[in-house]
Amino acid sequence: MKYTKHYSTKRTPQAQKIPGRENDQAQNNAGGVSFVLDKWKMLDRFLILGSEGGTFYVGEQKLTIENASNAVKCIAEDGIRVVDRVVEISTEGRAPKNDPALFVLALCSCEDFANMETRNHAFDQLSKVARIGTHLFHYVDFCTDLRGWGRGLKKAVSNWYLEKDIDRLAFQITKYQKRDGWSHKDVISLAHPKPETVLQNEIFQYITTEGERKPRNEFINAVDIVKHPNIDEKNTLELVEKYNLPMEVVPTDKRTPKMYERVLHNGAGLTWIMRNLGNLTRHGIISNGKWDNVEFVRNRLEDENQLAKARLHPLQILVALRTYASGGGMRGKNTWIPNPDIIEALDNSFYKAFKFVEPTGKRYLLGIDVSGSMTFETIAGLPITPAEAAAAQAMVTYKTEERVVPMAFAGDFRRLGMSRNQRLDDVLNDTYAMSFGNTDCALPMLYAKQENIDVDVFVVLTDNETWYGDVHPIQALQDYRRTSGIEDAKLVVVGMTGTRYSIADPRDPSTLDVVGFDTATPQIISQFAIGDI
């Protein structure tokens, strides 16, 4: 009997553990066997991708509990490191949503999980992570569910208000008034901030009396006037322009085409512009023929400094592109004819939102997982599938490097008809229509061997829920190295969901785990390819 037919380190079905590697592997959510991430890499995945919506195989509740429990383990080992990582990922705009960072910061603020040094550090960093009123409400809501309102939390929340200058404070309390069932009145009533100036005291009284006691602040007074039902459009427009009022403080019935155009040219933030591209087009403000307005919006969308300042994440841009190019809102209430110049600008801004990448000259094979688990759920709680997001991120490498073979795989594989000049909305449409079954993450390496393709770097974009094949991905990589003669062929695994599994071997220095849609991922791949990391 040939015993190695059933027990081999070189070829093991993915439903079984590799002999000798039993302690490194575990059954994944699909029933196959994968390597297990260390807790710090899993923390990064959660901070960037979160757990909202769960995945194809695991529900939101279970995935959240797994990630929260892992974060608590990290806090127990080195809470200061956790807080610093939260601040780094949040402030650099490396995640499409700030909620996971706020949640982990709340865990670091809880005496059940963190020591005093960690809690104090978390409190000191609050304003860096909770940069706007909405963020503060999220953090307060998380903390209230995790702990009581002790002295440290009260001081941290009080400082969030007290450290802002009067104009910034007035802006925050009027633009971001309520969220998660919380208002500024609720928060101030619990935190009891002690005003340090007369003007601060007036604003706090304005908040706690719900506007009955008017402060000597022109911005707040202008907001109150705009909300009055008897003020006409002319006066409203004048106040919006004079005091740079955001659209959020303008009553819905006063959001006319003239109002949208006035807000657009009067210091509107890039995030607001991107969210309102449909409205701006529907109202004729950036329609064909409005060349000055179109050029103005294009310049804003493609300004790298503005993108960085607004912390616009490429995944948010991708969702905006898909929505705008579709010509209709998610709920189908509003429709518009997309302006091709704006679509092109969104396409350009997507690539600019990633950190700059120098071409490496290496030979790449991009393997995009389009199995069922990648095509029937969403990524990071946003209306786009992991497969679509993976294809879009793969385009960053495809546009940067000269020698790239793109392919899609599931239970079998096929070439992708990508073009370097292809627009992202077309890439999304092509990927959305592509879904073919089971998951075998060994296929990119098997394909390269079968087709005799020279590959220096395999980049596999996947949820790591592989289970279908009769050989583990790492074994297929080792076999490719032996047969091709490219002994240092590398594997980069781009994790597209916040699970704890990976096909990358933690013992192999030529394999690397990175997080999907981290803005630094393409740069990290490039540096790994040339041996800098």
Protein backbone atom coordinates (compact mmCIF):
# COMPACT_ATOMS: atom_id res chain seq x y z
CA MET A 1 0.00 0.00 0.00
CA LYS A 2 1.25 3.51 -0.82
CA TYR A 3 0.64 5.19 2.53
CA THR A 4 1.79 8.62 1.34
CA LYS A 5 -1.23 8.63 -0.96
CA HIS A 6 -3.24 9.41 2.17
CA TYR A 7 -0.62 11.12 4.35
CA SER A 8 1.74 13.52 2.59
CA THR A 9 3.32 16.87 3.38
CA LYS A 10 3.39 17.73 -0.33
CA ARG A 11 -0.22 17.08 -1.29
CA THR A 12 -3.02 17.21 1.27
CA PRO A 13 -6.73 17.76 0.60
CA GLN A 14 -7.86 21.15 1.85
CA ALA A 15 -10.37 19.51 4.16
CA GLN A 16 -7.46 17.98 6.11
CA LYS A 17 -4.58 19.49 8.06
CA ILE A 18 -1.10 19.30 6.55
CA PRO A 19 0.92 16.65 8.43
CA GLY A 20 3.26 18.33 10.89
CA ARG A 21 1.35 21.60 10.72
CA GLU A 22 -1.61 20.62 12.87
CA ASN A 23 -0.92 23.31 15.47
CA ASP A 24 -0.78 26.06 12.83
CA GLN A 25 -4.06 25.21 11.14
CA ALA A 26 -7.73 25.10 12.02
CA GLN A 27 -11.04 24.42 10.32
CA ASN A 28 -12.26 27.60 8.62
CA ASN A 29 -15.87 28.74 8.35
CA ALA A 30 -16.38 26.87 5.05
CA GLY A 31 -15.28 23.53 6.51
CA GLY A 32 -11.84 23.52 4.93
CA VAL A 33 -8.54 23.92 6.76
CA SER A 34 -6.50 27.13 6.74
CA PHE A 35 -3.70 28.76 8.68
CA VAL A 36 -4.70 30.96 11.60
CA LEU A 37 -3.67 34.60 11.78
CA ASP A 38 -1.84 35.86 14.82
CA LYS A 39 -3.94 38.14 17.01
CA TRP A 40 -2.26 41.37 15.86
CA LYS A 41 -2.91 40.71 12.17
CA MET A 42 -6.49 39.78 13.01
CA LEU A 43 -6.81 43.08 14.90
CA ASP A 44 -5.68 44.96 11.79
CA ARG A 45 -8.25 43.16 9.65
CA PHE A 46 -11.00 44.13 12.08
CA LEU A 47 -9.91 47.76 12.36
CA ILE A 48 -9.91 48.09 8.56
CA LEU A 49 -12.74 45.79 7.44
CA GLY A 50 -14.89 45.50 10.57
CA SER A 51 -17.54 42.79 10.95
CA GLU A 52 -20.70 44.59 9.81
CA GLY A 53 -22.97 42.25 7.89
CA GLY A 54 -20.84 39.20 8.64
CA THR A 55 -19.65 37.02 5.75
CA PHE A 56 -21.14 34.34 3.53
CA TYR A 57 -20.28 31.66 6.09
CA VAL A 58 -20.41 33.44 9.45
CA GLY A 59 -23.00 35.85 10.81
CA GLU A 60 -22.38 39.37 12.02
CA GLN A 61 -22.84 38.43 15.69
CA LYS A 62 -20.34 35.57 15.68
CA LEU A 63 -17.80 37.49 13.62
CA THR A 64 -18.06 40.50 15.93
CA ILE A 65 -17.62 38.35 19.05
CA GLU A 66 -14.55 36.65 17.54
CA ASN A 67 -12.95 39.97 16.67
CA ALA A 68 -13.86 41.65 19.96
CA SER A 69 -12.45 38.71 21.94
CA ASN A 70 -9.28 38.89 19.90
CA ALA A 71 -9.00 42.65 20.52
CA VAL A 72 -9.35 42.03 24.26
CA LYS A 73 -6.46 39.55 24.09
CA CYS A 74 -4.33 42.18 22.34
CA ILE A 75 -5.26 44.76 24.98
CA ALA A 76 -4.24 42.35 27.75
CA GLU A 77 -0.87 41.81 26.10
CA ASP A 78 -0.09 45.42 25.17
CA GLY A 79 -2.91 47.94 25.53
CA ILE A 80 -0.75 50.93 24.60
CA ARG A 81 0.12 49.25 21.31
CA VAL A 82 -3.57 48.66 20.60
CA VAL A 83 -4.48 52.30 21.22
CA ASP A 84 -1.62 53.49 19.03
CA ARG A 85 -2.69 51.14 16.25
CA VAL A 86 -6.26 52.41 16.48
CA VAL A 87 -5.06 56.00 16.20
CA GLU A 88 -2.73 55.20 13.30
CA ILE A 89 -5.32 53.40 11.17
CA SER A 90 -8.04 55.95 11.96
CA THR A 91 -6.04 59.14 11.41
CA GLU A 92 -4.38 57.87 8.22
CA GLY A 93 -7.77 57.05 6.71
CA ARG A 94 -6.83 53.42 6.15
CA ALA A 95 -10.32 52.07 6.88
CA PRO A 96 -13.57 52.77 4.98
CA LYS A 97 -15.45 53.19 8.27
CA ASN A 98 -14.31 54.58 11.61
CA ASP A 99 -16.69 52.47 13.72
CA PRO A 100 -14.31 49.53 14.37
CA ALA A 101 -11.62 51.94 15.59
CA LEU A 102 -14.09 53.67 17.92
CA PHE A 103 -15.28 50.32 19.25
CA VAL A 104 -11.75 49.09 20.00
CA LEU A 105 -10.94 52.45 21.60
CA ALA A 106 -14.01 51.93 23.81
CA LEU A 107 -12.69 48.48 24.77
CA CYS A 108 -9.39 50.13 25.69
CA SER A 109 -11.37 52.57 27.87
CA CYS A 110 -13.00 49.80 29.90
CA GLU A 111 -11.52 48.70 33.22
CA ASP A 112 -12.74 45.13 32.62
CA PHE A 113 -10.27 44.82 29.74
CA ALA A 114 -7.59 47.50 30.14
CA ASN A 115 -5.28 48.65 32.91
CA MET A 116 -5.19 52.25 34.05
CA GLU A 117 -2.26 53.18 31.80
CA THR A 118 -4.11 51.90 28.74
CA ARG A 119 -7.39 53.57 29.74
CA ASN A 120 -5.70 56.93 30.28
CA HIS A 121 -3.93 56.63 26.93
CA ALA A 122 -7.24 55.84 25.23
CA PHE A 123 -8.90 58.85 26.87
CA ASP A 124 -6.02 61.12 25.81
CA GLN A 125 -6.36 59.98 22.17
CA LEU A 126 -10.15 60.32 21.95
CA SER A 127 -10.22 63.49 19.83
CA LYS A 128 -7.82 61.97 17.29
CA VAL A 129 -10.19 59.08 16.63
CA ALA A 130 -13.54 60.79 17.34
CA ARG A 131 -12.96 63.74 15.04
CA ILE A 132 -16.57 64.78 14.52
CA GLY A 133 -19.74 64.75 16.61
CA THR A 134 -21.02 61.55 14.99
CA HIS A 135 -17.84 59.74 16.00
CA LEU A 136 -18.25 60.99 19.57
CA PHE A 137 -21.80 59.64 19.73
CA HIS A 138 -20.62 56.24 18.46
CA TYR A 139 -17.85 56.11 21.07
CA VAL A 140 -20.16 57.20 23.90
CA ASP A 141 -22.73 54.59 22.85
CA PHE A 142 -20.08 51.85 22.85
CA CYS A 143 -18.70 52.95 26.22
CA THR A 144 -22.14 53.11 27.81
CA ASP A 145 -22.73 49.47 26.83
CA LEU A 146 -19.34 48.42 28.21
CA ARG A 147 -18.78 50.46 31.37
CA GLY A 148 -20.08 53.15 33.69
CA TRP A 149 -19.49 56.88 33.52
CA GLY A 150 -16.46 57.18 35.75
CA ARG A 151 -14.15 60.12 36.21
CA GLY A 152 -11.81 59.18 33.35
CA LEU A 153 -14.57 58.91 30.74
CA LYS A 154 -16.25 62.11 31.91
CA LYS A 155 -12.97 64.01 31.65
CA ALA A 156 -12.17 62.62 28.20
CA VAL A 157 -15.60 63.51 26.81
CA SER A 158 -15.50 66.94 28.48
CA ASN A 159 -12.12 67.62 26.90
CA TRP A 160 -13.58 66.74 23.48
CA TYR A 161 -15.76 69.85 23.81
CA LEU A 162 -13.42 72.11 25.78
CA GLU A 163 -10.35 71.76 23.56
CA LYS A 164 -12.15 73.05 20.47
CA ASP A 165 -12.14 76.74 19.63
CA ILE A 166 -15.53 78.44 19.66
CA ASP A 167 -16.07 78.40 15.90
CA ARG A 168 -15.19 74.71 15.63
CA LEU A 169 -17.40 73.87 18.59
CA ALA A 170 -20.33 75.80 17.10
CA PHE A 171 -19.89 73.94 13.81
CA GLN A 172 -19.79 70.51 15.48
CA ILE A 173 -22.89 70.94 17.61
CA THR A 174 -25.01 72.25 14.74
CA LYS A 175 -23.89 69.97 11.91
CA TYR A 176 -23.79 66.77 13.94
CA GLN A 177 -26.75 67.08 16.28
CA LYS A 178 -27.94 63.51 16.94
CA ARG A 179 -26.90 59.94 16.23
CA ASP A 180 -27.41 56.49 17.79
CA GLY A 181 -30.13 57.93 20.03
CA TRP A 182 -27.64 60.41 21.52
CA SER A 183 -27.61 64.20 21.37
CA HIS A 184 -25.07 66.73 22.63
CA LYS A 185 -27.47 67.53 25.44
CA ASP A 186 -27.42 63.88 26.55
CA VAL A 187 -23.64 63.69 26.45
CA ILE A 188 -23.05 66.98 28.24
CA SER A 189 -25.56 66.04 30.93
CA LEU A 190 -23.44 62.95 31.69
CA ALA A 191 -19.96 64.39 31.22
CA HIS A 192 -20.59 67.74 32.98
CA PRO A 193 -17.86 69.74 31.20
CA LYS A 194 -16.88 72.86 33.12
CA PRO A 195 -16.70 75.81 30.71
CA GLU A 196 -13.46 77.73 30.80
CA THR A 197 -14.76 80.86 29.08
CA VAL A 198 -17.99 82.84 28.94
CA LEU A 199 -18.51 81.90 25.29
CA GLN A 200 -18.13 78.20 26.05
CA ASN A 201 -20.63 78.53 28.86
CA GLU A 202 -23.13 80.21 26.51
CA ILE A 203 -22.83 77.38 24.00
CA PHE A 204 -23.27 74.72 26.67
CA GLN A 205 -26.38 76.53 27.92
CA TYR A 206 -27.66 76.71 24.34
CA ILE A 207 -27.23 72.93 24.10
CA THR A 208 -28.78 72.03 27.44
CA THR A 209 -31.79 74.38 26.98
CA GLU A 210 -32.26 73.06 23.43
CA GLY A 211 -31.82 76.47 21.87
CA GLU A 212 -33.86 78.54 24.29
CA ARG A 213 -30.85 80.48 25.58
CA LYS A 214 -29.13 82.04 22.57
CA PRO A 215 -25.34 82.40 22.65
CA ARG A 216 -23.42 85.36 21.28
CA ASN A 217 -22.26 83.32 18.34
CA GLU A 218 -23.06 84.46 14.81
CA PHE A 219 -22.71 81.01 13.28
CA ILE A 220 -25.24 79.41 15.66
CA ASN A 221 -27.62 82.34 15.30
CA ALA A 222 -27.42 82.05 11.50
CA VAL A 223 -28.27 78.34 11.75
CA ASP A 224 -31.33 79.15 13.86
CA ILE A 225 -32.49 81.80 11.39
CA VAL A 226 -32.12 79.44 8.42
CA LYS A 227 -34.34 76.91 10.20
CA HIS A 228 -37.13 79.44 10.69
CA PRO A 229 -40.05 78.62 8.37
CA ASN A 230 -40.64 82.25 7.33
CA ILE A 231 -37.17 83.05 5.95
CA ASP A 232 -37.15 83.24 2.15
CA GLU A 233 -34.69 81.65 -0.29
CA LYS A 234 -32.75 84.89 -0.93
CA ASN A 235 -31.98 85.45 2.74
CA THR A 236 -31.22 81.78 3.28
CA LEU A 237 -28.70 81.78 0.43
CA GLU A 238 -27.07 84.91 1.81
CA LEU A 239 -26.67 83.36 5.26
CA VAL A 240 -25.32 80.10 3.85
CA GLU A 241 -22.71 82.03 1.88
CA LYS A 242 -21.78 84.51 4.61
CA TYR A 243 -21.35 81.95 7.39
CA ASN A 244 -20.32 78.95 5.31
CA LEU A 245 -23.25 76.91 6.60
CA PRO A 246 -23.26 73.19 5.73
CA MET A 247 -26.22 71.65 3.93
CA GLU A 248 -27.01 69.55 7.00
CA VAL A 249 -28.39 72.61 8.84
CA VAL A 250 -30.62 73.66 5.95
CA PRO A 251 -34.20 72.31 6.19
CA THR A 252 -35.07 69.78 3.49
CA ASP A 253 -37.72 71.98 1.87
CA LYS A 254 -35.11 74.71 1.33
CA ARG A 255 -32.57 72.47 -0.45
CA THR A 256 -33.24 73.93 -3.89
CA PRO A 257 -30.94 73.71 -6.93
CA LYS A 258 -29.64 77.20 -6.11
CA MET A 259 -28.90 76.04 -2.56
CA TYR A 260 -26.92 73.03 -3.78
CA GLU A 261 -24.89 75.22 -6.10
CA ARG A 262 -24.24 77.80 -3.38
CA VAL A 263 -23.10 75.16 -0.88
CA LEU A 264 -20.93 73.51 -3.55
CA HIS A 265 -18.96 76.70 -4.21
CA ASN A 266 -18.94 77.86 -0.63
CA GLY A 267 -16.46 75.47 0.95
CA ALA A 268 -18.39 72.20 0.79
CA GLY A 269 -16.27 69.29 1.99
CA LEU A 270 -15.12 66.65 -0.45
CA THR A 271 -17.10 63.96 1.38
CA TRP A 272 -20.30 65.99 0.93
CA ILE A 273 -19.55 66.56 -2.75
CA MET A 274 -19.04 62.86 -3.37
CA ARG A 275 -22.22 61.90 -1.54
CA ASN A 276 -24.24 64.48 -3.46
CA LEU A 277 -22.98 63.93 -7.00
CA GLY A 278 -26.36 62.46 -7.93
CA ASN A 279 -28.25 65.45 -6.52
CA LEU A 280 -25.86 67.90 -8.17
CA THR A 281 -26.41 66.17 -11.52
CA ARG A 282 -30.17 65.76 -11.05
CA HIS A 283 -30.53 69.49 -10.33
CA GLY A 284 -28.54 70.36 -13.47
CA ILE A 285 -25.55 71.80 -11.60
CA ILE A 286 -22.94 69.44 -13.09
CA SER A 287 -24.85 68.35 -16.16
CA ASN A 288 -23.48 68.68 -19.67
CA GLY A 289 -22.98 72.31 -20.57
CA LYS A 290 -22.24 73.46 -17.01
CA TRP A 291 -18.55 73.40 -17.83
CA ASP A 292 -17.31 75.60 -14.99
CA ASN A 293 -19.16 73.57 -12.38
CA VAL A 294 -18.02 70.28 -13.87
CA GLU A 295 -14.42 71.44 -13.94
CA PHE A 296 -14.71 72.67 -10.35
CA VAL A 297 -16.00 69.27 -9.15
CA ARG A 298 -13.44 67.36 -11.22
CA ASN A 299 -10.58 69.36 -9.75
CA ARG A 300 -11.86 68.75 -6.22
CA LEU A 301 -12.31 65.02 -6.79
CA GLU A 302 -8.85 64.58 -8.29
CA ASP A 303 -6.95 66.74 -5.79
CA GLU A 304 -4.67 64.35 -3.86
CA ASN A 305 -4.27 66.79 -0.98
CA GLN A 306 -8.03 67.16 -0.67
CA LEU A 307 -8.49 63.39 -0.77
CA ALA A 308 -5.96 62.94 2.04
CA LYS A 309 -7.43 65.77 4.11
CA ALA A 310 -10.95 64.39 3.81
CA ARG A 311 -9.68 60.86 4.59
CA LEU A 312 -11.70 59.59 1.66
CA HIS A 313 -11.10 55.88 1.51
CA PRO A 314 -10.86 54.19 -1.91
CA LEU A 315 -13.70 51.82 -0.99
CA GLN A 316 -15.97 54.82 -0.31
CA ILE A 317 -14.97 56.25 -3.68
CA LEU A 318 -15.66 52.90 -5.33
CA VAL A 319 -19.17 52.81 -3.87
CA ALA A 320 -19.74 56.42 -4.97
CA LEU A 321 -18.54 55.56 -8.48
CA ARG A 322 -20.78 52.55 -8.74
CA THR A 323 -23.82 54.46 -7.43
CA TYR A 324 -23.24 57.53 -9.60
CA ALA A 325 -22.54 55.54 -12.78
CA SER A 326 -25.76 53.55 -12.23
CA GLY A 327 -27.79 56.76 -12.52
CA GLY A 328 -29.92 56.09 -9.46
CA GLY A 329 -29.78 56.13 -5.66
CA MET A 330 -29.72 52.96 -3.59
CA ARG A 331 -33.42 53.31 -2.77
CA GLY A 332 -34.41 54.24 -6.29
CA LYS A 333 -36.11 57.52 -5.38
CA ASN A 334 -33.86 59.82 -7.42
CA THR A 335 -32.43 59.30 -10.88
CA TRP A 336 -29.96 61.23 -13.04
CA ILE A 337 -28.00 60.95 -16.26
CA PRO A 338 -24.36 60.40 -15.21
CA ASN A 339 -21.82 62.87 -16.51
CA PRO A 340 -18.91 60.95 -18.11
CA ASP A 341 -16.41 63.58 -16.95
CA ILE A 342 -17.47 62.99 -13.33
CA ILE A 343 -17.21 59.21 -13.77
CA GLU A 344 -13.70 59.65 -15.10
CA ALA A 345 -12.81 61.91 -12.17
CA LEU A 346 -14.07 59.32 -9.68
CA ASP A 347 -12.05 56.68 -11.50
CA ASN A 348 -8.91 58.79 -11.17
CA SER A 349 -9.55 59.65 -7.52
CA PHE A 350 -9.87 55.95 -6.66
CA TYR A 351 -6.27 55.29 -7.65
CA LYS A 352 -5.03 58.50 -6.04
CA ALA A 353 -6.59 57.51 -2.70
CA PHE A 354 -4.03 54.70 -2.36
CA LYS A 355 -0.48 55.47 -1.34
CA PHE A 356 1.81 56.05 -4.32
CA VAL A 357 3.35 52.85 -5.68
CA GLU A 358 6.53 52.58 -7.74
CA PRO A 359 6.55 49.80 -10.38
CA THR A 360 8.80 46.89 -9.38
CA GLY A 361 9.37 45.21 -12.73
CA LYS A 362 8.39 41.86 -11.21
CA ARG A 363 6.16 39.28 -12.88
CA TYR A 364 2.74 39.07 -11.21
CA LEU A 365 -0.23 36.75 -11.30
CA LEU A 366 -3.35 38.29 -9.81
CA GLY A 367 -5.82 35.70 -8.56
CA ILE A 368 -9.26 37.16 -7.81
CA ASP A 369 -11.56 34.88 -5.83
CA VAL A 370 -15.06 35.04 -7.35
CA SER A 371 -16.53 32.04 -5.55
CA GLY A 372 -19.95 32.14 -3.95
CA SER A 373 -18.63 33.41 -0.61
CA MET A 374 -17.04 36.40 -2.35
CA THR A 375 -19.99 37.36 -4.53
CA PHE A 376 -23.07 37.17 -2.32
CA GLU A 377 -22.14 39.33 0.67
CA THR A 378 -20.78 42.84 1.16
CA ILE A 379 -17.41 44.15 2.31
CA ALA A 380 -17.01 46.41 5.36
CA GLY A 381 -20.77 46.94 5.54
CA LEU A 382 -20.81 48.81 2.22
CA PRO A 383 -22.96 47.95 -0.81
CA ILE A 384 -20.24 46.19 -2.79
CA THR A 385 -19.18 42.54 -2.82
CA PRO A 386 -15.72 41.34 -1.75
CA ALA A 387 -15.19 40.04 -5.30
CA GLU A 388 -15.92 43.45 -6.83
CA ALA A 389 -13.68 45.14 -4.29
CA ALA A 390 -10.95 42.59 -4.98
CA ALA A 391 -11.10 43.21 -8.73
CA ALA A 392 -10.93 46.97 -8.22
CA GLN A 393 -7.94 46.67 -5.88
CA ALA A 394 -6.24 44.32 -8.33
CA MET A 395 -6.50 47.10 -10.92
CA VAL A 396 -4.10 49.20 -8.82
CA THR A 397 -1.35 46.61 -9.34
CA TYR A 398 -2.43 45.97 -12.93
CA LYS A 399 -2.11 49.65 -13.85
CA THR A 400 1.22 49.99 -12.03
CA GLU A 401 3.11 46.94 -13.27
CA GLU A 402 4.01 45.97 -16.85
CA ARG A 403 3.99 42.17 -16.52
CA VAL A 404 0.73 41.02 -14.96
CA VAL A 405 -1.55 38.05 -15.63
CA PRO A 406 -5.05 38.63 -14.19
CA MET A 407 -7.29 35.66 -13.54
CA ALA A 408 -10.48 34.79 -11.69
CA PHE A 409 -10.95 31.55 -9.83
CA ALA A 410 -13.41 29.61 -7.73
CA GLY A 411 -13.65 25.83 -8.24
CA ASP A 412 -11.92 26.34 -11.61
CA PHE A 413 -10.15 29.27 -13.20
CA ARG A 414 -10.39 31.54 -16.21
CA ARG A 415 -8.57 34.50 -17.67
CA LEU A 416 -9.99 37.97 -16.99
CA GLY A 417 -10.45 40.31 -19.92
CA MET A 418 -8.98 43.26 -18.05
CA SER A 419 -7.55 46.29 -19.82
CA ARG A 420 -5.30 48.91 -18.26
CA ASN A 421 -7.52 51.56 -19.80
CA GLN A 422 -10.71 49.95 -18.55
CA ARG A 423 -12.89 52.10 -16.33
CA LEU A 424 -13.65 50.86 -12.85
CA ASP A 425 -17.42 50.86 -13.32
CA ASP A 426 -16.91 48.39 -16.18
CA VAL A 427 -14.61 46.27 -13.99
CA LEU A 428 -17.30 46.20 -11.30
CA ASN A 429 -19.99 45.20 -13.80
CA ASP A 430 -17.82 42.41 -15.24
CA THR A 431 -16.99 41.04 -11.80
CA TYR A 432 -20.55 41.34 -10.51
CA ALA A 433 -21.72 39.06 -13.31
CA MET A 434 -19.00 36.50 -12.56
CA SER A 435 -19.61 33.87 -9.91
CA PHE A 436 -18.86 30.23 -10.39
CA GLY A 437 -19.07 28.03 -7.37
CA ASN A 438 -16.66 26.50 -4.91
CA THR A 439 -13.45 27.93 -3.46
CA ASP A 440 -10.00 26.54 -4.28
CA CYS A 441 -7.29 29.08 -3.47
CA ALA A 442 -4.57 26.76 -4.79
CA LEU A 443 -5.74 27.38 -8.36
CA PRO A 444 -3.57 30.47 -9.10
CA MET A 445 -0.41 28.43 -8.44
CA LEU A 446 -1.75 25.34 -10.22
CA TYR A 447 -2.72 27.50 -13.19
CA ALA A 448 0.75 29.05 -13.42
CA LYS A 449 2.35 25.59 -13.38
CA GLN A 450 -0.06 24.16 -15.95
CA GLU A 451 0.36 27.09 -18.34
CA ASN A 452 4.11 27.37 -17.71
CA ILE A 453 3.81 31.02 -16.64
CA ASP A 454 6.81 32.69 -14.98
CA VAL A 455 5.62 34.35 -11.78
CA ASP A 456 7.66 36.21 -9.18
CA VAL A 457 4.68 37.26 -7.07
CA PHE A 458 1.29 35.63 -6.71
CA VAL A 459 -1.31 38.07 -5.34
CA VAL A 460 -4.44 36.24 -4.21
CA LEU A 461 -7.41 38.38 -3.21
CA THR A 462 -9.75 36.19 -1.20
CA ASP A 463 -11.80 35.66 1.96
CA ASN A 464 -9.52 32.65 2.70
CA GLU A 465 -12.52 30.29 3.03
CA THR A 466 -10.87 27.69 0.78
CA TRP A 467 -12.01 24.08 1.00
CA TYR A 468 -12.56 22.50 -2.39
CA GLY A 469 -9.17 21.36 -3.72
CA ASP A 470 -7.05 18.27 -3.18
CA VAL A 471 -3.92 20.27 -2.39
CA HIS A 472 -3.36 23.17 0.02
CA PRO A 473 -2.44 26.54 -1.55
CA ILE A 474 0.94 26.60 0.21
CA GLN A 475 1.72 23.11 -1.11
CA ALA A 476 0.81 24.23 -4.63
CA LEU A 477 3.16 27.21 -4.19
CA GLN A 478 6.00 24.96 -3.04
CA ASP A 479 5.41 22.66 -6.01
CA TYR A 480 5.42 25.65 -8.37
CA ARG A 481 8.75 26.78 -6.94
CA ARG A 482 10.29 23.34 -7.50
CA THR A 483 9.00 22.79 -11.02
CA SER A 484 9.43 26.34 -12.35
CA GLY A 485 12.88 26.92 -10.93
CA ILE A 486 11.68 30.23 -9.44
CA GLU A 487 12.63 29.19 -5.93
CA ASP A 488 11.80 32.52 -4.33
CA ALA A 489 8.33 32.91 -5.89
CA LYS A 490 6.29 34.88 -3.37
CA LEU A 491 2.68 34.77 -2.29
CA VAL A 492 0.74 37.79 -1.03
CA VAL A 493 -2.66 37.01 0.43
CA VAL A 494 -5.04 39.97 0.44
CA GLY A 495 -7.73 39.23 3.03
CA MET A 496 -11.05 40.74 1.96
CA THR A 497 -13.08 39.91 5.10
CA GLY A 498 -12.46 40.22 8.83
CA THR A 499 -12.02 36.52 9.62
CA ARG A 500 -9.04 34.92 11.39
CA TYR A 501 -8.00 32.59 8.58
CA SER A 502 -5.35 32.77 5.86
CA ILE A 503 -3.83 30.59 3.16
CA ALA A 504 -0.40 32.18 3.78
CA ASP A 505 2.07 30.08 5.76
CA PRO A 506 3.22 32.02 8.84
CA ARG A 507 6.53 30.09 8.77
CA ASP A 508 7.31 30.95 5.15
CA PRO A 509 9.13 34.30 4.88
CA SER A 510 8.12 34.49 1.21
CA THR A 511 4.41 34.64 2.01
CA LEU A 512 2.68 37.72 3.37
CA ASP A 513 -0.75 38.52 4.78
CA VAL A 514 -2.15 41.99 4.10
CA VAL A 515 -5.59 43.49 4.64
CA GLY A 516 -7.80 44.17 1.68
CA PHE A 517 -8.57 47.83 1.05
CA ASP A 518 -6.03 49.15 3.46
CA THR A 519 -4.83 52.25 1.57
CA ALA A 520 -1.26 51.08 2.20
CA THR A 521 -1.77 47.56 0.74
CA PRO A 522 -0.49 48.17 -2.84
CA GLN A 523 2.62 49.87 -1.46
CA ILE A 524 3.23 46.99 0.96
CA ILE A 525 2.85 44.47 -1.87
CA SER A 526 5.37 46.41 -3.94
CA GLN A 527 7.89 46.59 -1.09
CA PHE A 528 7.49 42.88 -0.35
CA ALA A 529 7.95 42.02 -4.03
CA ILE A 530 11.38 43.67 -4.16
CA GLY A 531 12.45 42.42 -0.74
CA ASP A 532 12.26 45.66 1.23
CA ILE A 533 10.00 43.96 3.78
